[in-house]
């Protein structure tokens, strides 16, 4: 009878140890997943902010100048031929 009790106690201890090990492994896995997700979210936020800043800078810089209308007297750049014509009247 004493041997049976000892065997039962040993089996219970083994089961408890296995359960504790499984719980610890699960906790470690959850912590690792949380760290990976947190770092991915931080990288996404940094990239998103950078893209938004680039977009804002591009918007604030205005449209690109495609004009070749330059005043021959003062070398002022005009956006259009009609603007150059109006500007040339200021030299009269």
PDB file of N, CA and C in Angstrom:
ATOM      1  N   UNK A   1       0.805  -1.182   0.000  1.00  0.00           N
ATOM      2  CA  UNK A   1       0.000   0.000   0.000  1.00  0.00           C
ATOM      3  C   UNK A   1       0.864   1.268   0.000  1.00  0.00           C
ATOM      4  N   UNK A   2       1.937   1.273   0.735  1.00  0.00           N
ATOM      5  CA  UNK A   2       2.832   2.425   0.790  1.00  0.00           C
ATOM      6  C   UNK A   2       3.465   2.650  -0.587  1.00  0.00           C
ATOM      7  N   UNK A   3       3.779   1.601  -1.277  1.00  0.00           N
ATOM      8  CA  UNK A   3       4.382   1.716  -2.602  1.00  0.00           C
ATOM      9  C   UNK A   3       3.376   2.345  -3.566  1.00  0.00           C
ATOM     10  N   UNK A   4       2.127   1.990  -3.449  1.00  0.00           N
ATOM     11  CA  UNK A   4       1.103   2.560  -4.324  1.00  0.00           C
ATOM     12  C   UNK A   4       0.939   4.067  -4.072  1.00  0.00           C
ATOM     13  N   UNK A   5       1.006   4.448  -2.822  1.00  0.00           N
ATOM     14  CA  UNK A   5       0.891   5.861  -2.477  1.00  0.00           C
ATOM     15  C   UNK A   5       2.096   6.632  -3.032  1.00  0.00           C
ATOM     16  N   UNK A   6       3.260   6.059  -2.905  1.00  0.00           N
ATOM     17  CA  UNK A   6       4.474   6.708  -3.420  1.00  0.00           C
ATOM     18  C   UNK A   6       4.387   6.839  -4.937  1.00  0.00           C
ATOM     19  N   UNK A   7       3.905   5.845  -5.624  1.00  0.00           N
ATOM     20  CA  UNK A   7       3.778   5.881  -7.080  1.00  0.00           C
ATOM     21  C   UNK A   7       2.769   6.964  -7.479  1.00  0.00           C
ATOM     22  N   UNK A   8       1.666   7.043  -6.759  1.00  0.00           N
ATOM     23  CA  UNK A   8       0.663   8.057  -7.056  1.00  0.00           C
ATOM     24  C   UNK A   8       1.237   9.450  -6.831  1.00  0.00           C
ATOM     25  N   UNK A   9       1.975   9.640  -5.758  1.00  0.00           N
ATOM     26  CA  UNK A   9       2.586  10.936  -5.465  1.00  0.00           C
ATOM     27  C   UNK A   9       3.596  11.299  -6.550  1.00  0.00           C
ATOM     28  N   UNK A  10       4.389  10.358  -6.981  1.00  0.00           N
ATOM     29  CA  UNK A  10       5.385  10.611  -8.029  1.00  0.00           C
ATOM     30  C   UNK A  10       4.681  10.983  -9.335  1.00  0.00           C
ATOM     31  N   UNK A  11       3.618  10.293  -9.676  1.00  0.00           N
ATOM     32  CA  UNK A  11       2.880  10.580 -10.900  1.00  0.00           C
ATOM     33  C   UNK A  11       2.261  11.985 -10.812  1.00  0.00           C
ATOM     34  N   UNK A  12       1.706  12.352  -9.676  1.00  0.00           N
ATOM     35  CA  UNK A  12       1.125  13.676  -9.502  1.00  0.00           C
ATOM     36  C   UNK A  12       2.202  14.749  -9.628  1.00  0.00           C
ATOM     37  N   UNK A  13       3.339  14.526  -9.046  1.00  0.00           N
ATOM     38  CA  UNK A  13       4.440  15.486  -9.136  1.00  0.00           C
ATOM     39  C   UNK A  13       4.896  15.633 -10.582  1.00  0.00           C
ATOM     40  N   UNK A  14       4.993  14.544 -11.293  1.00  0.00           N
ATOM     41  CA  UNK A  14       5.412  14.599 -12.696  1.00  0.00           C
ATOM     42  C   UNK A  14       4.378  15.380 -13.519  1.00  0.00           C
ATOM     43  N   UNK A  15       3.106  15.121 -13.276  1.00  0.00           N
ATOM     44  CA  UNK A  15       2.057  15.827 -14.007  1.00  0.00           C
ATOM     45  C   UNK A  15       2.108  17.320 -13.696  1.00  0.00           C
ATOM     46  N   UNK A  16       2.315  17.685 -12.447  1.00  0.00           N
ATOM     47  CA  UNK A  16       2.398  19.090 -12.058  1.00  0.00           C
ATOM     48  C   UNK A  16       3.603  19.750 -12.732  1.00  0.00           C
ATOM     49  N   UNK A  17       4.716  19.077 -12.749  1.00  0.00           N
ATOM     50  CA  UNK A  17       5.918  19.621 -13.379  1.00  0.00           C
ATOM     51  C   UNK A  17       5.686  19.818 -14.885  1.00  0.00           C
ATOM     52  N   UNK A  18       5.066  18.870 -15.537  1.00  0.00           N
ATOM     53  CA  UNK A  18       4.792  18.980 -16.969  1.00  0.00           C
ATOM     54  C   UNK A  18       3.850  20.157 -17.230  1.00  0.00           C
ATOM     55  N   UNK A  19       2.822  20.306 -16.410  1.00  0.00           N
ATOM     56  CA  UNK A  19       1.886  21.412 -16.571  1.00  0.00           C
ATOM     57  C   UNK A  19       2.600  22.743 -16.376  1.00  0.00           C
ATOM     58  N   UNK A  20       3.457  22.846 -15.396  1.00  0.00           N
ATOM     59  CA  UNK A  20       4.207  24.076 -15.145  1.00  0.00           C
ATOM     60  C   UNK A  20       5.122  24.391 -16.330  1.00  0.00           C
ATOM     61  N   UNK A  21       5.781  23.398 -16.860  1.00  0.00           N
ATOM     62  CA  UNK A  21       6.674  23.602 -18.001  1.00  0.00           C
ATOM     63  C   UNK A  21       5.874  24.076 -19.216  1.00  0.00           C
ATOM     64  N   UNK A  22       4.725  23.477 -19.460  1.00  0.00           N
ATOM     65  CA  UNK A  22       3.890  23.875 -20.591  1.00  0.00           C
ATOM     66  C   UNK A  22       3.415  25.312 -20.421  1.00  0.00           C
ATOM     67  N   UNK A  23       3.018  25.688 -19.216  1.00  0.00           N
ATOM     68  CA  UNK A  23       2.573  27.056 -18.960  1.00  0.00           C
ATOM     69  C   UNK A  23       3.719  28.040 -19.171  1.00  0.00           C
ATOM     70  N   UNK A  24       4.894  27.715 -18.703  1.00  0.00           N
ATOM     71  CA  UNK A  24       6.056  28.595 -18.881  1.00  0.00           C
ATOM     72  C   UNK A  24       6.388  28.754 -20.361  1.00  0.00           C
ATOM     73  N   UNK A  25       6.335  27.681 -21.111  1.00  0.00           N
ATOM     74  CA  UNK A  25       6.622  27.750 -22.553  1.00  0.00           C
ATOM     75  C   UNK A  25       5.573  28.617 -23.240  1.00  0.00           C
ATOM     76  N   UNK A  26       4.324  28.461 -22.883  1.00  0.00           N
ATOM     77  CA  UNK A  26       3.277  29.281 -23.483  1.00  0.00           C
ATOM     78  C   UNK A  26       3.458  30.756 -23.152  1.00  0.00           C
ATOM     79  N   UNK A  27       3.837  31.059 -21.939  1.00  0.00           N
ATOM     80  CA  UNK A  27       4.076  32.445 -21.552  1.00  0.00           C
ATOM     81  C   UNK A  27       5.235  33.029 -22.355  1.00  0.00           C
ATOM     82  N   UNK A  28       6.285  32.275 -22.519  1.00  0.00           N
ATOM     83  CA  UNK A  28       7.443  32.742 -23.289  1.00  0.00           C
ATOM     84  C   UNK A  28       7.036  32.997 -24.747  1.00  0.00           C
ATOM     85  N   UNK A  29       6.252  32.098 -25.305  1.00  0.00           N
ATOM     86  CA  UNK A  29       5.813  32.261 -26.691  1.00  0.00           C
ATOM     87  C   UNK A  29       4.948  33.528 -26.824  1.00  0.00           C
ATOM     88  N   UNK A  30       4.056  33.749 -25.890  1.00  0.00           N
ATOM     89  CA  UNK A  30       3.204  34.927 -25.934  1.00  0.00           C
ATOM     90  C   UNK A  30       4.047  36.199 -25.831  1.00  0.00           C
ATOM     91  N   UNK A  31       5.020  36.200 -24.949  1.00  0.00           N
ATOM     92  CA  UNK A  31       5.881  37.373 -24.789  1.00  0.00           C
ATOM     93  C   UNK A  31       6.662  37.639 -26.072  1.00  0.00           C
ATOM     94  N   UNK A  32       7.182  36.606 -26.694  1.00  0.00           N
ATOM     95  CA  UNK A  32       7.938  36.780 -27.941  1.00  0.00           C
ATOM     96  C   UNK A  32       7.031  37.328 -29.037  1.00  0.00           C
ATOM     97  N   UNK A  33       5.829  36.809 -29.138  1.00  0.00           N
ATOM     98  CA  UNK A  33       4.891  37.284 -30.156  1.00  0.00           C
ATOM     99  C   UNK A  33       4.536  38.749 -29.905  1.00  0.00           C
ATOM    100  N   UNK A  34       4.324  39.113 -28.663  1.00  0.00           N
ATOM    101  CA  UNK A  34       3.996  40.504 -28.338  1.00  0.00           C
ATOM    102  C   UNK A  34       5.155  41.422 -28.713  1.00  0.00           C
ATOM    103  N   UNK A  35       6.373  41.013 -28.440  1.00  0.00           N
ATOM    104  CA  UNK A  35       7.548  41.834 -28.782  1.00  0.00           C
ATOM    105  C   UNK A  35       7.666  41.993 -30.299  1.00  0.00           C
ATOM    106  N   UNK A  36       7.440  40.922 -31.032  1.00  0.00           N
ATOM    107  CA  UNK A  36       7.518  40.986 -32.498  1.00  0.00           C
ATOM    108  C   UNK A  36       6.438  41.912 -33.051  1.00  0.00           C
ATOM    109  N   UNK A  37       5.228  41.788 -32.534  1.00  0.00           N
ATOM    110  CA  UNK A  37       4.139  42.641 -33.006  1.00  0.00           C
ATOM    111  C   UNK A  37       4.417  44.100 -32.675  1.00  0.00           C
ATOM    112  N   UNK A  38       4.915  44.358 -31.474  1.00  0.00           N
ATOM    113  CA  UNK A  38       5.201  45.737 -31.074  1.00  0.00           C
ATOM    114  C   UNK A  38       6.269  46.362 -31.975  1.00  0.00           C
ATOM    115  N   UNK A  39       7.315  45.610 -32.270  1.00  0.00           N
ATOM    116  CA  UNK A  39       8.366  46.165 -33.130  1.00  0.00           C
ATOM    117  C   UNK A  39       7.855  46.393 -34.550  1.00  0.00           C
ATOM    118  N   UNK A  40       6.996  45.493 -35.038  1.00  0.00           N
ATOM    119  CA  UNK A  40       6.436  45.671 -36.382  1.00  0.00           C
ATOM    120  C   UNK A  40       5.541  46.906 -36.434  1.00  0.00           C
ATOM    121  N   UNK A  41       4.769  47.134 -35.388  1.00  0.00           N
ATOM    122  CA  UNK A  41       3.898  48.316 -35.346  1.00  0.00           C
ATOM    123  C   UNK A  41       4.742  49.587 -35.291  1.00  0.00           C
ATOM    124  N   UNK A  42       5.821  49.583 -34.516  1.00  0.00           N
ATOM    125  CA  UNK A  42       6.691  50.756 -34.439  1.00  0.00           C
ATOM    126  C   UNK A  42       7.326  51.051 -35.793  1.00  0.00           C
ATOM    127  N   UNK A  43       7.786  50.009 -36.499  1.00  0.00           N
ATOM    128  CA  UNK A  43       8.371  50.207 -37.825  1.00  0.00           C
ATOM    129  C   UNK A  43       7.331  50.763 -38.795  1.00  0.00           C
ATOM    130  N   UNK A  44       6.105  50.235 -38.720  1.00  0.00           N
ATOM    131  CA  UNK A  44       5.037  50.719 -39.585  1.00  0.00           C
ATOM    132  C   UNK A  44       4.750  52.193 -39.316  1.00  0.00           C
ATOM    133  N   UNK A  45       4.687  52.569 -38.060  1.00  0.00           N
ATOM    134  CA  UNK A  45       4.408  53.964 -37.708  1.00  0.00           C
ATOM    135  C   UNK A  45       5.513  54.892 -38.204  1.00  0.00           C
ATOM    136  N   UNK A  46       6.762  54.481 -38.039  1.00  0.00           N
ATOM    137  CA  UNK A  46       7.885  55.311 -38.506  1.00  0.00           C
ATOM    138  C   UNK A  46       7.808  55.482 -40.020  1.00  0.00           C
ATOM    139  N   UNK A  47       7.541  54.386 -40.726  1.00  0.00           N
ATOM    140  CA  UNK A  47       7.441  54.449 -42.186  1.00  0.00           C
ATOM    141  C   UNK A  47       6.250  55.309 -42.609  1.00  0.00           C
ATOM    142  N   UNK A  48       5.118  55.170 -41.924  1.00  0.00           N
ATOM    143  CA  UNK A  48       3.921  55.941 -42.256  1.00  0.00           C
ATOM    144  C   UNK A  48       4.156  57.440 -42.058  1.00  0.00           C
ATOM    145  N   UNK A  49       4.786  57.803 -40.934  1.00  0.00           N
ATOM    146  CA  UNK A  49       5.067  59.212 -40.659  1.00  0.00           C
ATOM    147  C   UNK A  49       6.032  59.765 -41.708  1.00  0.00           C
ATOM    148  N   UNK A  50       7.042  58.978 -42.063  1.00  0.00           N
ATOM    149  CA  UNK A  50       8.006  59.424 -43.076  1.00  0.00           C
ATOM    150  C   UNK A  50       7.312  59.649 -44.421  1.00  0.00           C
ATOM    151  N   UNK A  51       6.430  58.724 -44.800  1.00  0.00           N
ATOM    152  CA  UNK A  51       5.714  58.883 -46.061  1.00  0.00           C
ATOM    153  C   UNK A  51       4.807  60.110 -46.029  1.00  0.00           C
ATOM    154  N   UNK A  52       4.136  60.335 -44.905  1.00  0.00           N
ATOM    155  CA  UNK A  52       3.272  61.506 -44.791  1.00  0.00           C
ATOM    156  C   UNK A  52       4.072  62.799 -44.842  1.00  0.00           C
ATOM    157  N   UNK A  53       5.236  62.835 -44.201  1.00  0.00           N
ATOM    158  CA  UNK A  53       6.080  64.025 -44.251  1.00  0.00           C
ATOM    159  C   UNK A  53       6.580  64.275 -45.668  1.00  0.00           C
ATOM    160  N   UNK A  54       6.960  63.208 -46.368  1.00  0.00           N
ATOM    161  CA  UNK A  54       7.408  63.361 -47.759  1.00  0.00           C
ATOM    162  C   UNK A  54       6.281  63.895 -48.630  1.00  0.00           C
ATOM    163  N   UNK A  55       5.090  63.352 -48.409  1.00  0.00           N
ATOM    164  CA  UNK A  55       3.931  63.796 -49.170  1.00  0.00           C
ATOM    165  C   UNK A  55       3.623  65.268 -48.893  1.00  0.00           C
ATOM    166  N   UNK A  56       3.706  65.673 -47.623  1.00  0.00           N
ATOM    167  CA  UNK A  56       3.443  67.063 -47.254  1.00  0.00           C
ATOM    168  C   UNK A  56       4.492  67.981 -47.871  1.00  0.00           C
ATOM    169  N   UNK A  57       5.765  67.579 -47.804  1.00  0.00           N
ATOM    170  CA  UNK A  57       6.833  68.402 -48.388  1.00  0.00           C
ATOM    171  C   UNK A  57       6.642  68.567 -49.891  1.00  0.00           C
ATOM    172  N   UNK A  58       6.239  67.485 -50.552  1.00  0.00           N
ATOM    173  CA  UNK A  58       6.003  67.557 -51.988  1.00  0.00           C
ATOM    174  C   UNK A  58       4.843  68.498 -52.292  1.00  0.00           C
ATOM    175  N   UNK A  59       3.796  68.434 -51.477  1.00  0.00           N
ATOM    176  CA  UNK A  59       2.635  69.302 -51.674  1.00  0.00           C
ATOM    177  C   UNK A  59       3.000  70.767 -51.421  1.00  0.00           C
ATOM    178  N   UNK A  60       3.811  71.020 -50.383  1.00  0.00           N
ATOM    179  CA  UNK A  60       4.177  72.393 -50.043  1.00  0.00           C
ATOM    180  C   UNK A  60       5.146  72.998 -51.045  1.00  0.00           C
ATOM    181  N   UNK A  61       5.890  72.169 -51.766  1.00  0.00           N
ATOM    182  CA  UNK A  61       6.876  72.699 -52.707  1.00  0.00           C
ATOM    183  C   UNK A  61       6.213  73.307 -53.934  1.00  0.00           C
ATOM    184  N   UNK A  62       4.951  73.006 -54.173  1.00  0.00           N
ATOM    185  CA  UNK A  62       4.230  73.591 -55.299  1.00  0.00           C
ATOM    186  C   UNK A  62       4.452  72.801 -56.567  1.00  0.00           C
ATOM    187  N   UNK A  63       3.778  73.200 -57.610  1.00  0.00           N
ATOM    188  CA  UNK A  63       3.919  72.467 -58.872  1.00  0.00           C
ATOM    189  C   UNK A  63       5.290  72.728 -59.486  1.00  0.00           C
ATOM    190  N   UNK A  64       5.802  71.768 -60.200  1.00  0.00           N
ATOM    191  CA  UNK A  64       7.109  71.974 -60.843  1.00  0.00           C
ATOM    192  C   UNK A  64       6.999  72.991 -61.969  1.00  0.00           C
ATOM    193  N   UNK A  65       8.034  73.775 -62.097  1.00  0.00           N
ATOM    194  CA  UNK A  65       8.053  74.791 -63.141  1.00  0.00           C
ATOM    195  C   UNK A  65       8.456  74.137 -64.455  1.00  0.00           C
ATOM    196  N   UNK A  66       7.578  74.234 -65.436  1.00  0.00           N
ATOM    197  CA  UNK A  66       7.873  73.649 -66.747  1.00  0.00           C
ATOM    198  C   UNK A  66       8.060  74.729 -67.800  1.00  0.00           C
ATOM    199  N   UNK A  67       8.189  75.952 -67.350  1.00  0.00           N
ATOM    200  CA  UNK A  67       8.251  77.078 -68.278  1.00  0.00           C
ATOM    201  C   UNK A  67       9.699  77.410 -68.630  1.00  0.00           C
ATOM    202  N   UNK A  68       9.852  77.861 -69.854  1.00  0.00           N
ATOM    203  CA  UNK A  68      11.158  78.360 -70.299  1.00  0.00           C
ATOM    204  C   UNK A  68      11.059  79.834 -70.643  1.00  0.00           C
ATOM    205  N   UNK A  69      10.087  80.500 -70.050  1.00  0.00           N
ATOM    206  CA  UNK A  69       9.855  81.916 -70.363  1.00  0.00           C
ATOM    207  C   UNK A  69      10.711  82.770 -69.455  1.00  0.00           C
ATOM    208  N   UNK A  70      11.832  83.226 -69.987  1.00  0.00           N
ATOM    209  CA  UNK A  70      12.765  84.042 -69.203  1.00  0.00           C
ATOM    210  C   UNK A  70      12.887  85.413 -69.841  1.00  0.00           C
ATOM    211  N   UNK A  71      12.833  86.430 -68.994  1.00  0.00           N
ATOM    212  CA  UNK A  71      12.993  87.797 -69.475  1.00  0.00           C
ATOM    213  C   UNK A  71      14.437  87.979 -69.946  1.00  0.00           C
ATOM    214  N   UNK A  72      14.594  88.537 -71.137  1.00  0.00           N
ATOM    215  CA  UNK A  72      15.930  88.726 -71.694  1.00  0.00           C
ATOM    216  C   UNK A  72      16.679  89.878 -71.027  1.00  0.00           C
ATOM    217  N   UNK A  73      15.943  90.785 -70.377  1.00  0.00           N
ATOM    218  CA  UNK A  73      16.581  91.948 -69.759  1.00  0.00           C
ATOM    219  C   UNK A  73      17.006  91.680 -68.308  1.00  0.00           C
ATOM    220  N   UNK A  74      16.108  91.112 -67.534  1.00  0.00           N
ATOM    221  CA  UNK A  74      16.432  90.927 -66.110  1.00  0.00           C
ATOM    222  C   UNK A  74      16.520  89.455 -65.706  1.00  0.00           C
ATOM    223  N   UNK A  75      16.321  88.541 -66.630  1.00  0.00           N
ATOM    224  CA  UNK A  75      16.420  87.103 -66.420  1.00  0.00           C
ATOM    225  C   UNK A  75      15.413  86.570 -65.404  1.00  0.00           C
ATOM    226  N   UNK A  76      14.288  87.261 -65.286  1.00  0.00           N
ATOM    227  CA  UNK A  76      13.225  86.754 -64.415  1.00  0.00           C
ATOM    228  C   UNK A  76      12.493  85.633 -65.146  1.00  0.00           C
ATOM    229  N   UNK A  77      12.179  84.570 -64.408  1.00  0.00           N
ATOM    230  CA  UNK A  77      11.438  83.448 -64.975  1.00  0.00           C
ATOM    231  C   UNK A  77       9.951  83.718 -64.823  1.00  0.00           C
ATOM    232  N   UNK A  78       9.218  83.582 -65.919  1.00  0.00           N
ATOM    233  CA  UNK A  78       7.764  83.712 -65.903  1.00  0.00           C
ATOM    234  C   UNK A  78       7.167  82.335 -66.192  1.00  0.00           C
ATOM    235  N   UNK A  79       5.998  82.097 -65.628  1.00  0.00           N
ATOM    236  CA  UNK A  79       5.388  80.768 -65.760  1.00  0.00           C
ATOM    237  C   UNK A  79       4.757  80.543 -67.132  1.00  0.00           C
ATOM    238  N   UNK A  80       4.505  81.590 -67.845  1.00  0.00           N
ATOM    239  CA  UNK A  80       3.865  81.413 -69.155  1.00  0.00           C
ATOM    240  C   UNK A  80       4.343  82.518 -70.102  1.00  0.00           C
ATOM    241  N   UNK A  81       4.043  82.317 -71.379  1.00  0.00           N
ATOM    242  CA  UNK A  81       4.412  83.322 -72.380  1.00  0.00           C
ATOM    243  C   UNK A  81       3.635  84.616 -72.151  1.00  0.00           C
ATOM    244  N   UNK A  82       2.371  84.479 -71.774  1.00  0.00           N
ATOM    245  CA  UNK A  82       1.566  85.681 -71.544  1.00  0.00           C
ATOM    246  C   UNK A  82       2.071  86.432 -70.316  1.00  0.00           C
ATOM    247  N   UNK A  83       2.559  85.679 -69.323  1.00  0.00           N
ATOM    248  CA  UNK A  83       3.149  86.324 -68.150  1.00  0.00           C
ATOM    249  C   UNK A  83       4.416  87.069 -68.510  1.00  0.00           C
ATOM    250  N   UNK A  84       5.207  86.489 -69.419  1.00  0.00           N
ATOM    251  CA  UNK A  84       6.420  87.148 -69.893  1.00  0.00           C
ATOM    252  C   UNK A  84       6.068  88.420 -70.663  1.00  0.00           C
ATOM    253  N   UNK A  85       5.021  88.371 -71.450  1.00  0.00           N
ATOM    254  CA  UNK A  85       4.590  89.550 -72.187  1.00  0.00           C
ATOM    255  C   UNK A  85       4.173  90.668 -71.235  1.00  0.00           C
ATOM    256  N   UNK A  86       3.412  90.297 -70.190  1.00  0.00           N
ATOM    257  CA  UNK A  86       2.987  91.292 -69.199  1.00  0.00           C
ATOM    258  C   UNK A  86       4.198  91.825 -68.440  1.00  0.00           C
ATOM    259  N   UNK A  87       5.149  90.984 -68.143  1.00  0.00           N
ATOM    260  CA  UNK A  87       6.346  91.416 -67.422  1.00  0.00           C
ATOM    261  C   UNK A  87       7.181  92.366 -68.295  1.00  0.00           C
ATOM    262  N   UNK A  88       7.300  92.085 -69.564  1.00  0.00           N
ATOM    263  CA  UNK A  88       8.098  92.935 -70.471  1.00  0.00           C
ATOM    264  C   UNK A  88       7.551  94.353 -70.540  1.00  0.00           C
ATOM    265  N   UNK A  89       6.261  94.517 -70.285  1.00  0.00           N
ATOM    266  CA  UNK A  89       5.688  95.868 -70.277  1.00  0.00           C
ATOM    267  C   UNK A  89       6.228  96.680 -69.120  1.00  0.00           C
ATOM    268  N   UNK A  90       6.717  96.033 -68.077  1.00  0.00           N
ATOM    269  CA  UNK A  90       7.257  96.778 -66.943  1.00  0.00           C
ATOM    270  C   UNK A  90       8.617  97.389 -67.289  1.00  0.00           C
ATOM    271  N   UNK A  91       9.248  96.917 -68.347  1.00  0.00           N
ATOM    272  CA  UNK A  91      10.549  97.467 -68.758  1.00  0.00           C
ATOM    273  C   UNK A  91      10.403  98.670 -69.683  1.00  0.00           C
ATOM    274  N   UNK A  92       9.208  99.006 -70.101  1.00  0.00           N
ATOM    275  CA  UNK A  92       9.014 100.124 -71.035  1.00  0.00           C
ATOM    276  C   UNK A  92       9.116 101.454 -70.369  1.00  0.00           C
TER     277      UNK A  92
END
